[in-house]
N, C-alpha and C. Protein backbone atom coordinates (compact mmCIF):
# COMPACT_ATOMS: atom_id res chain seq x y z
N UNK A 1 99.08 90.30 102.61
CA UNK A 1 100.07 89.46 103.26
C UNK A 1 101.38 89.56 102.50
N UNK A 2 102.46 89.42 103.26
CA UNK A 2 103.78 89.49 102.66
C UNK A 2 104.68 88.43 103.26
N UNK A 3 105.60 87.94 102.44
CA UNK A 3 106.64 87.04 102.92
C UNK A 3 107.92 87.86 103.03
N UNK A 4 108.53 87.84 104.20
CA UNK A 4 109.78 88.56 104.45
C UNK A 4 110.88 87.52 104.60
N UNK A 5 111.89 87.62 103.74
CA UNK A 5 113.05 86.73 103.82
C UNK A 5 114.25 87.56 104.22
N UNK A 6 114.89 87.16 105.30
CA UNK A 6 116.08 87.86 105.77
C UNK A 6 117.25 86.89 105.73
N UNK A 7 118.32 87.29 105.07
CA UNK A 7 119.56 86.52 105.05
C UNK A 7 120.46 87.17 106.10
N UNK A 8 120.78 86.41 107.16
CA UNK A 8 121.52 86.99 108.28
C UNK A 8 122.70 86.10 108.68
N UNK A 9 123.56 86.66 109.52
CA UNK A 9 124.71 85.91 110.05
C UNK A 9 124.20 84.81 111.00
N UNK A 10 124.79 83.61 110.95
CA UNK A 10 124.37 82.53 111.85
C UNK A 10 124.46 82.89 113.33
N UNK A 11 125.46 83.67 113.70
CA UNK A 11 125.64 84.01 115.12
C UNK A 11 124.58 84.99 115.62
N UNK A 12 123.77 85.53 114.73
CA UNK A 12 122.71 86.47 115.11
C UNK A 12 121.33 85.82 115.18
N UNK A 13 121.24 84.55 114.82
CA UNK A 13 119.93 83.88 114.73
C UNK A 13 119.18 83.88 116.05
N UNK A 14 119.81 83.47 117.13
CA UNK A 14 119.10 83.38 118.42
C UNK A 14 118.62 84.75 118.88
N UNK A 15 119.43 85.76 118.70
CA UNK A 15 119.05 87.11 119.10
C UNK A 15 117.85 87.62 118.28
N UNK A 16 117.87 87.36 116.98
CA UNK A 16 116.75 87.78 116.11
C UNK A 16 115.50 87.00 116.46
N UNK A 17 115.63 85.68 116.63
CA UNK A 17 114.48 84.85 117.00
C UNK A 17 113.82 85.33 118.28
N UNK A 18 114.63 85.61 119.29
CA UNK A 18 114.09 86.07 120.56
C UNK A 18 113.39 87.42 120.41
N UNK A 19 114.01 88.34 119.69
CA UNK A 19 113.41 89.67 119.49
C UNK A 19 112.06 89.56 118.77
N UNK A 20 111.97 88.69 117.77
CA UNK A 20 110.71 88.51 117.05
C UNK A 20 109.67 87.83 117.93
N UNK A 21 110.10 86.83 118.67
CA UNK A 21 109.19 86.11 119.56
C UNK A 21 108.64 87.03 120.65
N UNK A 22 109.48 87.92 121.16
CA UNK A 22 109.07 88.83 122.23
C UNK A 22 107.94 89.77 121.82
N UNK A 23 107.85 90.08 120.52
CA UNK A 23 106.79 91.00 120.07
C UNK A 23 105.66 90.29 119.33
N UNK A 24 105.66 88.95 119.36
CA UNK A 24 104.52 88.20 118.82
C UNK A 24 104.69 87.60 117.45
N UNK A 25 105.87 87.68 116.86
CA UNK A 25 106.12 86.99 115.58
C UNK A 25 106.67 85.61 115.90
N UNK A 26 105.77 84.63 116.07
CA UNK A 26 106.17 83.30 116.51
C UNK A 26 106.48 82.36 115.35
N UNK A 27 105.73 82.45 114.27
CA UNK A 27 105.91 81.54 113.15
C UNK A 27 107.04 81.99 112.24
N UNK A 28 107.97 81.08 111.99
CA UNK A 28 109.09 81.40 111.11
C UNK A 28 109.72 80.11 110.61
N UNK A 29 110.45 80.22 109.53
CA UNK A 29 111.22 79.10 108.98
C UNK A 29 112.67 79.54 108.88
N UNK A 30 113.57 78.69 109.33
CA UNK A 30 115.01 78.97 109.25
C UNK A 30 115.66 77.92 108.37
N UNK A 31 116.52 78.37 107.47
CA UNK A 31 117.24 77.47 106.58
C UNK A 31 118.71 77.88 106.55
N UNK A 32 119.60 76.91 106.69
CA UNK A 32 121.02 77.20 106.55
C UNK A 32 121.33 77.29 105.07
N UNK A 33 121.94 78.41 104.67
CA UNK A 33 122.24 78.65 103.25
C UNK A 33 123.69 79.11 103.11
N UNK A 34 124.18 79.11 101.89
CA UNK A 34 125.49 79.67 101.58
C UNK A 34 125.30 80.65 100.44
N UNK A 35 126.07 81.72 100.46
CA UNK A 35 125.97 82.68 99.38
C UNK A 35 127.05 83.73 99.48
N UNK A 36 126.95 84.68 98.57
CA UNK A 36 127.89 85.80 98.60
C UNK A 36 127.23 87.01 97.99
N UNK A 37 127.71 88.15 98.40
CA UNK A 37 127.20 89.40 97.87
C UNK A 37 128.32 90.14 97.17
N UNK A 38 128.31 91.43 97.34
CA UNK A 38 129.32 92.28 96.69
C UNK A 38 130.73 91.97 97.14
N UNK A 39 130.86 91.47 98.37
CA UNK A 39 132.21 91.20 98.88
C UNK A 39 132.87 90.02 98.18
N UNK A 40 132.10 89.20 97.51
CA UNK A 40 132.60 88.05 96.74
C UNK A 40 133.40 87.09 97.59
N UNK A 41 132.98 86.90 98.83
CA UNK A 41 133.66 85.96 99.71
C UNK A 41 134.68 86.65 100.60
N UNK A 42 135.45 85.81 101.31
CA UNK A 42 136.46 86.33 102.22
C UNK A 42 137.76 85.54 102.06
N UNK A 43 138.86 86.16 102.47
CA UNK A 43 140.15 85.49 102.46
C UNK A 43 140.50 85.12 103.90
N UNK A 44 140.96 83.89 104.09
CA UNK A 44 141.33 83.40 105.41
C UNK A 44 142.77 82.93 105.41
N UNK A 45 143.39 82.99 106.57
CA UNK A 45 144.77 82.50 106.73
C UNK A 45 144.72 81.11 107.33
N UNK A 46 145.54 80.23 106.85
CA UNK A 46 145.68 78.89 107.36
C UNK A 46 147.17 78.58 107.42
N UNK A 47 147.54 77.52 108.04
CA UNK A 47 148.96 77.17 108.16
C UNK A 47 149.67 77.15 106.81
N UNK A 48 148.99 76.61 105.82
CA UNK A 48 149.60 76.48 104.49
C UNK A 48 149.56 77.78 103.70
N UNK A 49 148.93 78.78 104.24
CA UNK A 49 148.85 80.07 103.53
C UNK A 49 147.44 80.62 103.49
N UNK A 50 147.23 81.50 102.56
CA UNK A 50 145.95 82.18 102.43
C UNK A 50 145.05 81.42 101.45
N UNK A 51 143.76 81.38 101.74
CA UNK A 51 142.81 80.78 100.79
C UNK A 51 141.51 81.57 100.82
N UNK A 52 140.75 81.44 99.75
CA UNK A 52 139.53 82.22 99.59
C UNK A 52 138.30 81.34 99.79
N UNK A 53 137.35 81.84 100.58
CA UNK A 53 136.06 81.20 100.75
C UNK A 53 135.07 82.11 100.05
N UNK A 54 134.51 81.65 98.93
CA UNK A 54 133.65 82.57 98.19
C UNK A 54 132.17 82.37 98.45
N UNK A 55 131.78 81.34 99.16
CA UNK A 55 130.40 81.17 99.60
C UNK A 55 130.38 81.15 101.11
N UNK A 56 129.75 82.15 101.69
CA UNK A 56 129.74 82.34 103.14
C UNK A 56 128.48 81.70 103.72
N UNK A 57 128.61 81.03 104.86
CA UNK A 57 127.45 80.44 105.53
C UNK A 57 126.59 81.53 106.14
N UNK A 58 125.29 81.46 105.86
CA UNK A 58 124.30 82.40 106.38
C UNK A 58 123.07 81.60 106.79
N UNK A 59 122.09 82.29 107.35
CA UNK A 59 120.81 81.68 107.67
C UNK A 59 119.72 82.51 107.00
N UNK A 60 118.78 81.80 106.36
CA UNK A 60 117.64 82.49 105.76
C UNK A 60 116.45 82.34 106.70
N UNK A 61 115.93 83.47 107.14
CA UNK A 61 114.78 83.53 108.02
C UNK A 61 113.59 83.95 107.18
N UNK A 62 112.51 83.15 107.21
CA UNK A 62 111.31 83.46 106.43
C UNK A 62 110.13 83.63 107.38
N UNK A 63 109.41 84.73 107.21
CA UNK A 63 108.23 85.02 108.04
C UNK A 63 107.14 85.58 107.13
N UNK A 64 105.91 85.09 107.31
CA UNK A 64 104.77 85.61 106.59
C UNK A 64 103.95 86.47 107.56
N UNK A 65 103.70 87.72 107.15
CA UNK A 65 103.01 88.67 108.02
C UNK A 65 101.96 89.45 107.23
N UNK A 66 101.09 90.10 108.00
CA UNK A 66 100.13 91.03 107.39
C UNK A 66 100.87 92.27 106.91
N UNK A 67 100.29 92.95 105.96
CA UNK A 67 100.94 94.13 105.38
C UNK A 67 101.31 95.17 106.43
N UNK A 68 100.44 95.36 107.41
CA UNK A 68 100.72 96.39 108.42
C UNK A 68 101.81 95.99 109.41
N UNK A 69 102.30 94.75 109.36
CA UNK A 69 103.39 94.30 110.24
C UNK A 69 104.75 94.27 109.56
N UNK A 70 104.80 94.52 108.26
CA UNK A 70 106.06 94.38 107.51
C UNK A 70 107.13 95.32 108.05
N UNK A 71 106.83 96.60 108.17
CA UNK A 71 107.84 97.57 108.62
C UNK A 71 108.35 97.25 110.02
N UNK A 72 107.46 96.85 110.90
CA UNK A 72 107.87 96.52 112.27
C UNK A 72 108.82 95.31 112.27
N UNK A 73 108.48 94.29 111.49
CA UNK A 73 109.32 93.10 111.39
C UNK A 73 110.69 93.46 110.82
N UNK A 74 110.72 94.23 109.74
CA UNK A 74 111.98 94.62 109.12
C UNK A 74 112.84 95.42 110.09
N UNK A 75 112.23 96.34 110.82
CA UNK A 75 112.99 97.14 111.79
C UNK A 75 113.60 96.28 112.89
N UNK A 76 112.86 95.30 113.38
CA UNK A 76 113.37 94.41 114.43
C UNK A 76 114.55 93.60 113.91
N UNK A 77 114.43 93.06 112.70
CA UNK A 77 115.53 92.27 112.13
C UNK A 77 116.75 93.16 111.92
N UNK A 78 116.56 94.35 111.38
CA UNK A 78 117.69 95.26 111.15
C UNK A 78 118.38 95.63 112.46
N UNK A 79 117.60 95.92 113.49
CA UNK A 79 118.18 96.32 114.77
C UNK A 79 118.96 95.18 115.43
N UNK A 80 118.45 93.96 115.34
CA UNK A 80 119.08 92.86 116.07
C UNK A 80 120.13 92.12 115.25
N UNK A 81 120.05 92.14 113.93
CA UNK A 81 121.00 91.39 113.10
C UNK A 81 122.21 92.20 112.69
N UNK A 82 122.14 93.51 112.82
CA UNK A 82 123.24 94.36 112.34
C UNK A 82 124.45 94.31 113.25
N UNK A 83 125.62 94.23 112.62
CA UNK A 83 126.89 94.36 113.34
C UNK A 83 127.62 95.62 112.90
N UNK A 84 127.18 96.19 111.79
CA UNK A 84 127.85 97.36 111.23
C UNK A 84 128.97 97.00 110.28
N UNK A 85 129.15 95.71 110.03
CA UNK A 85 130.21 95.25 109.14
C UNK A 85 129.64 94.70 107.84
N UNK A 86 130.50 94.61 106.83
CA UNK A 86 130.11 93.99 105.56
C UNK A 86 129.64 92.57 105.84
N UNK A 87 128.58 92.16 105.17
CA UNK A 87 128.09 90.79 105.32
C UNK A 87 126.97 90.63 106.32
N UNK A 88 126.38 91.74 106.77
CA UNK A 88 125.27 91.64 107.72
C UNK A 88 124.03 91.01 107.09
N UNK A 89 123.88 91.08 105.78
CA UNK A 89 122.78 90.41 105.11
C UNK A 89 121.86 91.33 104.35
N UNK A 90 120.76 90.75 103.91
CA UNK A 90 119.76 91.47 103.13
C UNK A 90 118.38 90.99 103.55
N UNK A 91 117.38 91.83 103.26
CA UNK A 91 115.98 91.47 103.50
C UNK A 91 115.23 91.62 102.19
N UNK A 92 114.46 90.60 101.85
CA UNK A 92 113.63 90.61 100.64
C UNK A 92 112.17 90.53 101.07
N UNK A 93 111.32 91.31 100.41
CA UNK A 93 109.90 91.37 100.77
C UNK A 93 109.08 91.05 99.53
N UNK A 94 108.20 90.03 99.65
CA UNK A 94 107.39 89.57 98.53
C UNK A 94 105.91 89.64 98.89
N UNK A 95 105.07 90.15 97.99
CA UNK A 95 103.62 90.08 98.24
C UNK A 95 103.13 88.64 98.04
N UNK A 96 102.18 88.22 98.84
CA UNK A 96 101.58 86.89 98.71
C UNK A 96 100.12 87.04 98.32
N UNK A 97 99.68 86.20 97.42
CA UNK A 97 98.27 86.24 97.02
C UNK A 97 97.40 85.43 97.95
N UNK A 98 97.96 84.39 98.56
CA UNK A 98 97.17 83.58 99.48
C UNK A 98 98.09 82.70 100.32
N UNK A 99 97.57 82.26 101.45
CA UNK A 99 98.24 81.31 102.33
C UNK A 99 97.16 80.32 102.77
N UNK A 100 97.49 79.05 102.84
CA UNK A 100 96.52 78.03 103.26
C UNK A 100 97.10 77.23 104.42
N UNK A 101 96.35 77.14 105.51
CA UNK A 101 96.72 76.24 106.62
C UNK A 101 96.17 74.87 106.24
N UNK A 102 97.03 73.92 106.03
CA UNK A 102 96.63 72.62 105.50
C UNK A 102 95.62 71.92 106.41
N UNK A 103 95.89 71.88 107.69
CA UNK A 103 95.02 71.14 108.61
C UNK A 103 93.59 71.64 108.61
N UNK A 104 93.41 72.95 108.66
CA UNK A 104 92.06 73.53 108.77
C UNK A 104 91.51 74.04 107.43
N UNK A 105 92.36 74.08 106.42
CA UNK A 105 92.01 74.64 105.11
C UNK A 105 91.59 76.10 105.18
N UNK A 106 92.13 76.81 106.16
CA UNK A 106 91.87 78.22 106.28
C UNK A 106 92.75 78.97 105.28
N UNK A 107 92.22 80.07 104.77
CA UNK A 107 92.94 80.89 103.79
C UNK A 107 93.24 82.27 104.37
N UNK A 108 94.24 82.92 103.79
CA UNK A 108 94.51 84.32 104.10
C UNK A 108 94.99 84.56 105.51
N UNK A 109 94.49 85.66 106.11
CA UNK A 109 94.94 86.06 107.45
C UNK A 109 94.71 84.98 108.51
N UNK A 110 93.63 84.24 108.37
CA UNK A 110 93.37 83.16 109.35
C UNK A 110 94.47 82.10 109.34
N UNK A 111 95.10 81.93 108.19
CA UNK A 111 96.13 80.89 108.04
C UNK A 111 97.48 81.30 108.61
N UNK A 112 97.68 82.61 108.82
CA UNK A 112 98.98 83.01 109.37
C UNK A 112 98.82 83.35 110.84
């Protein structure tokens, strides 16, 4: 089992959610986050002049999947979240040793 965390643009969330749902990835967690990467933020124009926003609003999408589903999940997120511009996000993949469904106390694959 693996946990896949994708940091994506907020405006891409609905499109990514639908694409994942359409192929059977129903369980997910979404968290509004702020961060920055190599771009170190952005400069914006306002009436009073230019100012820098160094923490950009993003959404963190978390999905736990079986090992054989990782590549398919990553491909779907990349295809639907990409704009081709700086700031499209990153995907992090972590191995999991176990998952427990609290209600049924099921472990492993049964729990996801």
